[in-house]
Amino acid sequence: MKPSSTPIAVLGLISLVLAGCASTKDTVLPQDGPSMKAIYEGHVHEMNADNPQVIRGELGDRPIVAGEAALHGYTRDAFNEIDVLFPRLPNPTLVMYIFPHLAGDAGAPVPGYTTAFPMYEQVEYALPGEVRSHQGGVSR
């Protein structure tokens, strides 16, 4: 008769769990290492970044002034590029007022309300060159 391997596996698992519980936090994670602040300060010192003047010298002598911070018209990004190349065509919003009325067989009163919907079902975009360039995109 062949012995079953299930009891051996269970005994092995129990011994692993008990061995894991027998260790202490200090043996697994030693507490005598440097603090986080000491590690950070050592890294900053290795990079020679203690002095802000040294870092500024490495970057160049470009002064920091408020006038140079506004570069939104200078930079190109995907959103700006798409808006310029493919402007949205006008799609006016229609507003409709529904008068108070009675609804259903029971004649439940429904108060008056307004609803808004676009004139065309979907948003249409102009092809490049279809719309004059100085006009730009239609506001969203």
N, C-alpha and C. Protein backbone atom coordinates (compact mmCIF):
# COMPACT_ATOMS: atom_id res chain seq x y z
N MET A 1 0.84 -1.17 0.00
CA MET A 1 0.00 0.00 0.00
C MET A 1 0.89 1.24 0.00
N LYS A 2 0.54 2.22 -0.83
CA LYS A 2 1.34 3.43 -1.00
C LYS A 2 0.84 4.50 -0.01
N PRO A 3 1.76 5.12 0.77
CA PRO A 3 1.32 6.15 1.71
C PRO A 3 0.90 7.42 0.96
N SER A 4 -0.07 8.13 1.51
CA SER A 4 -0.58 9.36 0.89
C SER A 4 0.38 10.52 1.17
N SER A 5 0.53 11.41 0.22
CA SER A 5 1.44 12.55 0.39
C SER A 5 0.75 13.75 1.03
N THR A 6 -0.54 13.69 1.24
CA THR A 6 -1.26 14.81 1.84
C THR A 6 -0.81 15.09 3.28
N PRO A 7 -0.68 14.07 4.15
CA PRO A 7 -0.23 14.39 5.52
C PRO A 7 1.18 14.98 5.54
N ILE A 8 2.03 14.55 4.64
CA ILE A 8 3.40 15.09 4.59
C ILE A 8 3.36 16.56 4.18
N ALA A 9 2.51 16.91 3.21
CA ALA A 9 2.39 18.30 2.77
C ALA A 9 1.82 19.18 3.87
N VAL A 10 0.84 18.65 4.60
CA VAL A 10 0.24 19.43 5.70
C VAL A 10 1.28 19.66 6.80
N LEU A 11 2.04 18.62 7.16
CA LEU A 11 3.08 18.79 8.18
C LEU A 11 4.15 19.79 7.73
N GLY A 12 4.52 19.76 6.46
CA GLY A 12 5.50 20.71 5.94
C GLY A 12 4.98 22.14 6.01
N LEU A 13 3.71 22.34 5.67
CA LEU A 13 3.11 23.67 5.71
C LEU A 13 3.03 24.19 7.15
N ILE A 14 2.64 23.33 8.07
CA ILE A 14 2.56 23.73 9.48
C ILE A 14 3.93 24.11 10.00
N SER A 15 4.96 23.35 9.65
CA SER A 15 6.31 23.67 10.13
C SER A 15 6.80 24.99 9.55
N LEU A 16 6.47 25.29 8.31
CA LEU A 16 6.86 26.58 7.72
C LEU A 16 6.17 27.74 8.42
N VAL A 17 4.88 27.59 8.73
CA VAL A 17 4.14 28.65 9.41
C VAL A 17 4.71 28.88 10.80
N LEU A 18 4.99 27.80 11.53
CA LEU A 18 5.54 27.94 12.88
C LEU A 18 6.94 28.54 12.84
N ALA A 19 7.74 28.20 11.85
CA ALA A 19 9.09 28.77 11.74
C ALA A 19 9.00 30.26 11.42
N GLY A 20 8.02 30.66 10.62
CA GLY A 20 7.85 32.07 10.30
C GLY A 20 7.42 32.87 11.50
N CYS A 21 6.59 32.30 12.36
CA CYS A 21 6.15 32.99 13.56
C CYS A 21 7.23 33.03 14.63
N ALA A 22 8.23 32.17 14.54
CA ALA A 22 9.28 32.10 15.56
C ALA A 22 10.30 33.22 15.41
N SER A 23 10.41 33.84 14.23
CA SER A 23 11.40 34.91 14.05
C SER A 23 10.85 36.22 14.59
N THR A 24 11.76 37.12 14.95
CA THR A 24 11.36 38.42 15.48
C THR A 24 11.53 39.48 14.41
N LYS A 25 10.97 40.63 14.70
CA LYS A 25 11.05 41.75 13.76
C LYS A 25 12.49 42.21 13.60
N ASP A 26 13.25 42.21 14.68
CA ASP A 26 14.63 42.70 14.63
C ASP A 26 15.54 41.79 13.82
N THR A 27 15.27 40.49 13.79
CA THR A 27 16.11 39.61 12.99
C THR A 27 15.79 39.74 11.50
N VAL A 28 14.53 40.00 11.18
CA VAL A 28 14.14 40.13 9.79
C VAL A 28 14.48 41.53 9.26
N LEU A 29 14.17 42.56 10.03
CA LEU A 29 14.44 43.95 9.65
C LEU A 29 15.34 44.58 10.70
N PRO A 30 16.64 44.62 10.49
CA PRO A 30 17.53 45.20 11.49
C PRO A 30 17.25 46.70 11.67
N GLN A 31 17.32 47.15 12.93
CA GLN A 31 16.98 48.52 13.27
C GLN A 31 18.20 49.43 13.43
N ASP A 32 19.39 48.93 13.16
CA ASP A 32 20.59 49.73 13.42
C ASP A 32 21.10 50.46 12.18
N GLY A 33 20.32 50.55 11.09
CA GLY A 33 20.75 51.22 9.87
C GLY A 33 20.57 52.73 9.97
N PRO A 34 20.98 53.46 8.92
CA PRO A 34 20.83 54.92 8.94
C PRO A 34 19.36 55.32 8.81
N SER A 35 19.05 56.51 9.30
CA SER A 35 17.68 57.01 9.21
C SER A 35 17.41 57.49 7.79
N MET A 36 16.14 57.73 7.49
CA MET A 36 15.76 58.20 6.16
C MET A 36 16.36 59.57 5.89
N LYS A 37 16.41 60.42 6.90
CA LYS A 37 16.99 61.76 6.74
C LYS A 37 18.47 61.67 6.40
N ALA A 38 19.18 60.76 7.06
CA ALA A 38 20.61 60.60 6.80
C ALA A 38 20.85 60.09 5.37
N ILE A 39 20.01 59.19 4.89
CA ILE A 39 20.14 58.69 3.52
C ILE A 39 19.91 59.82 2.53
N TYR A 40 18.88 60.64 2.77
CA TYR A 40 18.57 61.76 1.87
C TYR A 40 19.71 62.78 1.85
N GLU A 41 20.19 63.15 3.03
CA GLU A 41 21.27 64.13 3.09
C GLU A 41 22.54 63.61 2.43
N GLY A 42 22.82 62.31 2.57
CA GLY A 42 23.98 61.73 1.90
C GLY A 42 23.84 61.78 0.39
N HIS A 43 22.63 61.54 -0.10
CA HIS A 43 22.39 61.58 -1.55
C HIS A 43 22.55 63.01 -2.08
N VAL A 44 22.01 63.98 -1.35
CA VAL A 44 22.14 65.38 -1.76
C VAL A 44 23.60 65.80 -1.75
N HIS A 45 24.35 65.35 -0.75
CA HIS A 45 25.77 65.71 -0.66
C HIS A 45 26.57 65.08 -1.80
N GLU A 46 26.24 63.85 -2.17
CA GLU A 46 26.92 63.19 -3.30
C GLU A 46 26.68 63.94 -4.61
N MET A 47 25.50 64.49 -4.76
CA MET A 47 25.18 65.23 -5.98
C MET A 47 25.73 66.65 -5.95
N ASN A 48 26.32 67.06 -4.84
CA ASN A 48 26.84 68.41 -4.64
C ASN A 48 25.71 69.43 -4.81
N ALA A 49 24.54 69.09 -4.26
CA ALA A 49 23.38 69.95 -4.37
C ALA A 49 23.09 70.67 -3.06
N ASP A 50 24.08 70.77 -2.19
CA ASP A 50 23.87 71.46 -0.92
C ASP A 50 23.66 72.95 -1.13
N ASN A 51 24.35 73.52 -2.10
CA ASN A 51 24.32 74.96 -2.32
C ASN A 51 23.46 75.26 -3.55
N PRO A 52 22.39 76.06 -3.39
CA PRO A 52 21.55 76.39 -4.55
C PRO A 52 22.29 77.16 -5.63
N GLN A 53 23.33 77.91 -5.26
CA GLN A 53 24.09 78.67 -6.26
C GLN A 53 24.83 77.73 -7.21
N VAL A 54 25.30 76.59 -6.69
CA VAL A 54 25.99 75.62 -7.53
C VAL A 54 25.01 75.04 -8.56
N ILE A 55 23.82 74.72 -8.11
CA ILE A 55 22.81 74.16 -9.01
C ILE A 55 22.43 75.19 -10.07
N ARG A 56 22.25 76.44 -9.66
CA ARG A 56 21.90 77.50 -10.61
C ARG A 56 23.00 77.69 -11.64
N GLY A 57 24.26 77.57 -11.21
CA GLY A 57 25.38 77.71 -12.14
C GLY A 57 25.41 76.60 -13.16
N GLU A 58 25.02 75.38 -12.76
CA GLU A 58 24.98 74.26 -13.70
C GLU A 58 23.87 74.44 -14.74
N LEU A 59 22.79 75.09 -14.34
CA LEU A 59 21.68 75.30 -15.27
C LEU A 59 21.92 76.46 -16.22
N GLY A 60 22.82 77.34 -15.88
CA GLY A 60 23.07 78.52 -16.70
C GLY A 60 22.69 79.77 -15.93
N ASP A 61 23.02 80.91 -16.49
CA ASP A 61 22.77 82.17 -15.80
C ASP A 61 21.45 82.80 -16.20
N ARG A 62 20.50 82.02 -16.61
CA ARG A 62 19.21 82.56 -17.02
C ARG A 62 18.45 83.04 -15.78
N PRO A 63 18.09 84.32 -15.73
CA PRO A 63 17.37 84.82 -14.55
C PRO A 63 15.92 84.34 -14.56
N ILE A 64 15.38 84.23 -13.38
CA ILE A 64 13.99 83.81 -13.25
C ILE A 64 13.16 85.06 -13.00
N VAL A 65 12.33 85.42 -13.96
CA VAL A 65 11.45 86.58 -13.82
C VAL A 65 10.04 86.16 -14.18
N ALA A 66 9.07 86.93 -13.71
CA ALA A 66 7.67 86.57 -13.92
C ALA A 66 7.27 86.65 -15.39
N GLY A 67 7.91 87.49 -16.18
CA GLY A 67 7.54 87.65 -17.58
C GLY A 67 7.82 86.41 -18.41
N GLU A 68 8.79 85.62 -18.02
CA GLU A 68 9.14 84.43 -18.80
C GLU A 68 8.28 83.23 -18.44
N ALA A 69 7.49 83.34 -17.39
CA ALA A 69 6.70 82.20 -16.94
C ALA A 69 5.51 81.92 -17.86
N ALA A 70 5.00 82.96 -18.54
CA ALA A 70 3.82 82.78 -19.39
C ALA A 70 4.24 82.36 -20.79
N LEU A 71 4.38 81.08 -21.02
CA LEU A 71 4.77 80.55 -22.32
C LEU A 71 3.63 79.81 -23.00
N HIS A 72 2.38 80.02 -22.54
CA HIS A 72 1.27 79.24 -23.08
C HIS A 72 1.03 79.50 -24.56
N GLY A 73 1.33 80.68 -25.07
CA GLY A 73 1.16 80.94 -26.49
C GLY A 73 2.35 80.50 -27.32
N TYR A 74 3.45 80.26 -26.67
CA TYR A 74 4.68 79.91 -27.36
C TYR A 74 4.79 78.42 -27.61
N THR A 75 4.35 77.64 -26.65
CA THR A 75 4.50 76.19 -26.77
C THR A 75 3.41 75.60 -27.64
N ARG A 76 3.71 74.49 -28.29
CA ARG A 76 2.74 73.77 -29.10
C ARG A 76 2.43 72.47 -28.40
N ASP A 77 1.16 72.16 -28.33
CA ASP A 77 0.76 70.88 -27.77
C ASP A 77 -0.31 70.26 -28.68
N ALA A 78 -0.66 69.04 -28.40
CA ALA A 78 -1.59 68.31 -29.26
C ALA A 78 -2.96 68.97 -29.29
N PHE A 79 -3.44 69.46 -28.15
CA PHE A 79 -4.76 70.08 -28.10
C PHE A 79 -4.79 71.33 -28.98
N ASN A 80 -3.76 72.16 -28.85
CA ASN A 80 -3.68 73.40 -29.63
C ASN A 80 -3.58 73.07 -31.11
N GLU A 81 -2.79 72.10 -31.46
CA GLU A 81 -2.57 71.72 -32.86
C GLU A 81 -3.87 71.22 -33.49
N ILE A 82 -4.60 70.38 -32.81
CA ILE A 82 -5.85 69.82 -33.34
C ILE A 82 -6.89 70.92 -33.50
N ASP A 83 -6.99 71.83 -32.53
CA ASP A 83 -7.96 72.92 -32.62
C ASP A 83 -7.68 73.83 -33.81
N VAL A 84 -6.41 74.06 -34.11
CA VAL A 84 -6.06 74.94 -35.22
C VAL A 84 -6.27 74.24 -36.55
N LEU A 85 -5.87 73.00 -36.66
CA LEU A 85 -5.99 72.28 -37.93
C LEU A 85 -7.44 71.91 -38.27
N PHE A 86 -8.17 71.44 -37.28
CA PHE A 86 -9.54 70.97 -37.50
C PHE A 86 -10.50 71.71 -36.58
N PRO A 87 -10.88 72.95 -36.92
CA PRO A 87 -11.80 73.68 -36.04
C PRO A 87 -13.20 73.09 -36.10
N ARG A 88 -13.93 73.25 -35.01
CA ARG A 88 -15.31 72.77 -34.97
C ARG A 88 -16.19 73.71 -35.79
N LEU A 89 -17.12 73.14 -36.52
CA LEU A 89 -18.09 73.94 -37.24
C LEU A 89 -19.21 74.33 -36.28
N PRO A 90 -19.84 75.48 -36.52
CA PRO A 90 -20.90 75.91 -35.61
C PRO A 90 -22.05 74.90 -35.56
N ASN A 91 -22.51 74.63 -34.37
CA ASN A 91 -23.65 73.75 -34.15
C ASN A 91 -24.51 74.42 -33.08
N PRO A 92 -25.44 75.29 -33.50
CA PRO A 92 -26.19 76.07 -32.51
C PRO A 92 -27.04 75.18 -31.60
N THR A 93 -27.17 75.63 -30.38
CA THR A 93 -28.00 74.94 -29.40
C THR A 93 -29.41 75.51 -29.48
N LEU A 94 -30.37 74.65 -29.68
CA LEU A 94 -31.77 75.06 -29.75
C LEU A 94 -32.41 74.85 -28.38
N VAL A 95 -33.15 75.86 -27.93
CA VAL A 95 -33.83 75.78 -26.64
C VAL A 95 -35.33 75.73 -26.92
N MET A 96 -36.00 74.76 -26.32
CA MET A 96 -37.43 74.58 -26.55
C MET A 96 -38.14 74.57 -25.21
N TYR A 97 -39.29 75.27 -25.16
CA TYR A 97 -40.10 75.31 -23.94
C TYR A 97 -41.29 74.38 -24.12
N ILE A 98 -41.49 73.50 -23.16
CA ILE A 98 -42.64 72.59 -23.18
C ILE A 98 -43.64 73.16 -22.19
N PHE A 99 -44.84 73.46 -22.68
CA PHE A 99 -45.87 74.05 -21.84
C PHE A 99 -46.39 73.03 -20.83
N PRO A 100 -46.96 73.51 -19.72
CA PRO A 100 -47.56 72.58 -18.75
C PRO A 100 -48.67 71.77 -19.44
N HIS A 101 -48.74 70.48 -19.10
CA HIS A 101 -49.72 69.62 -19.76
C HIS A 101 -50.06 68.44 -18.85
N LEU A 102 -51.05 67.67 -19.27
CA LEU A 102 -51.45 66.47 -18.55
C LEU A 102 -50.92 65.27 -19.31
N ALA A 103 -50.31 64.33 -18.59
CA ALA A 103 -49.68 63.19 -19.25
C ALA A 103 -50.34 61.89 -18.83
N GLY A 104 -50.40 60.96 -19.77
CA GLY A 104 -50.89 59.62 -19.49
C GLY A 104 -52.40 59.54 -19.39
N ASP A 105 -52.90 58.32 -19.14
CA ASP A 105 -54.34 58.09 -19.02
C ASP A 105 -54.91 58.70 -17.75
N ALA A 106 -54.07 58.77 -16.70
CA ALA A 106 -54.53 59.32 -15.43
C ALA A 106 -54.57 60.84 -15.46
N GLY A 107 -53.95 61.45 -16.43
CA GLY A 107 -53.96 62.91 -16.54
C GLY A 107 -53.09 63.56 -15.49
N ALA A 108 -51.93 62.98 -15.25
CA ALA A 108 -51.01 63.55 -14.25
C ALA A 108 -50.47 64.87 -14.76
N PRO A 109 -50.52 65.91 -13.92
CA PRO A 109 -50.03 67.22 -14.37
C PRO A 109 -48.51 67.24 -14.46
N VAL A 110 -48.00 67.80 -15.54
CA VAL A 110 -46.56 67.96 -15.75
C VAL A 110 -46.30 69.46 -15.86
N PRO A 111 -45.44 70.01 -15.01
CA PRO A 111 -45.17 71.45 -15.09
C PRO A 111 -44.39 71.79 -16.36
N GLY A 112 -44.42 73.05 -16.74
CA GLY A 112 -43.67 73.48 -17.90
C GLY A 112 -42.17 73.43 -17.63
N TYR A 113 -41.39 73.15 -18.66
CA TYR A 113 -39.94 73.08 -18.52
C TYR A 113 -39.28 73.39 -19.85
N THR A 114 -37.98 73.66 -19.79
CA THR A 114 -37.22 73.91 -21.01
C THR A 114 -36.23 72.79 -21.22
N THR A 115 -35.90 72.56 -22.47
CA THR A 115 -34.88 71.58 -22.82
C THR A 115 -34.00 72.18 -23.91
N ALA A 116 -32.76 71.76 -23.94
CA ALA A 116 -31.82 72.27 -24.94
C ALA A 116 -31.19 71.09 -25.66
N PHE A 117 -31.01 71.25 -26.96
CA PHE A 117 -30.39 70.19 -27.75
C PHE A 117 -29.67 70.83 -28.93
N PRO A 118 -28.63 70.17 -29.46
CA PRO A 118 -27.91 70.74 -30.59
C PRO A 118 -28.72 70.60 -31.88
N MET A 119 -28.49 71.51 -32.81
CA MET A 119 -29.22 71.49 -34.07
C MET A 119 -28.87 70.24 -34.89
N TYR A 120 -27.60 69.88 -34.92
CA TYR A 120 -27.16 68.70 -35.65
C TYR A 120 -26.85 67.59 -34.66
N GLU A 121 -27.02 66.34 -35.08
CA GLU A 121 -26.82 65.21 -34.18
C GLU A 121 -25.40 65.09 -33.67
N GLN A 122 -24.43 65.28 -34.55
CA GLN A 122 -23.04 65.10 -34.14
C GLN A 122 -22.23 66.33 -34.46
N VAL A 123 -21.10 66.44 -33.79
CA VAL A 123 -20.20 67.57 -33.99
C VAL A 123 -19.46 67.36 -35.31
N GLU A 124 -19.41 68.40 -36.12
CA GLU A 124 -18.71 68.34 -37.40
C GLU A 124 -17.45 69.19 -37.31
N TYR A 125 -16.39 68.75 -37.96
CA TYR A 125 -15.12 69.46 -37.97
C TYR A 125 -14.78 69.85 -39.40
N ALA A 126 -14.16 71.02 -39.55
CA ALA A 126 -13.73 71.48 -40.87
C ALA A 126 -12.42 70.81 -41.23
N LEU A 127 -12.23 70.58 -42.52
CA LEU A 127 -10.95 70.05 -43.00
C LEU A 127 -9.92 71.18 -43.01
N PRO A 128 -8.65 70.85 -42.99
CA PRO A 128 -7.63 71.90 -43.03
C PRO A 128 -7.80 72.79 -44.26
N GLY A 129 -7.86 74.10 -44.04
CA GLY A 129 -8.00 75.05 -45.13
C GLY A 129 -9.44 75.42 -45.46
N GLU A 130 -10.44 74.74 -44.92
CA GLU A 130 -11.84 75.07 -45.21
C GLU A 130 -12.28 76.35 -44.52
N VAL A 131 -11.74 76.61 -43.35
CA VAL A 131 -12.11 77.79 -42.58
C VAL A 131 -10.92 78.73 -42.58
N ARG A 132 -11.19 80.03 -42.63
CA ARG A 132 -10.10 81.00 -42.62
C ARG A 132 -9.26 80.82 -41.37
N SER A 133 -7.94 80.96 -41.50
CA SER A 133 -7.02 80.66 -40.40
C SER A 133 -7.15 81.64 -39.25
N HIS A 134 -7.49 82.91 -39.51
CA HIS A 134 -7.57 83.87 -38.41
C HIS A 134 -8.83 83.68 -37.58
N GLN A 135 -9.80 82.94 -38.11
CA GLN A 135 -11.05 82.72 -37.39
C GLN A 135 -10.85 81.75 -36.23
N GLY A 136 -10.02 80.74 -36.42
CA GLY A 136 -9.74 79.77 -35.36
C GLY A 136 -10.92 78.87 -35.11
N GLY A 137 -10.82 78.13 -34.04
CA GLY A 137 -11.86 77.17 -33.71
C GLY A 137 -13.02 77.84 -33.01
N VAL A 138 -14.15 77.21 -33.06
CA VAL A 138 -15.33 77.69 -32.38
C VAL A 138 -15.21 77.31 -30.92
N SER A 139 -15.62 78.19 -30.03
CA SER A 139 -15.49 77.90 -28.60
C SER A 139 -16.37 76.73 -28.23
N ARG A 140 -15.89 75.98 -27.25
CA ARG A 140 -16.60 74.76 -26.85
C ARG A 140 -17.50 75.03 -25.72
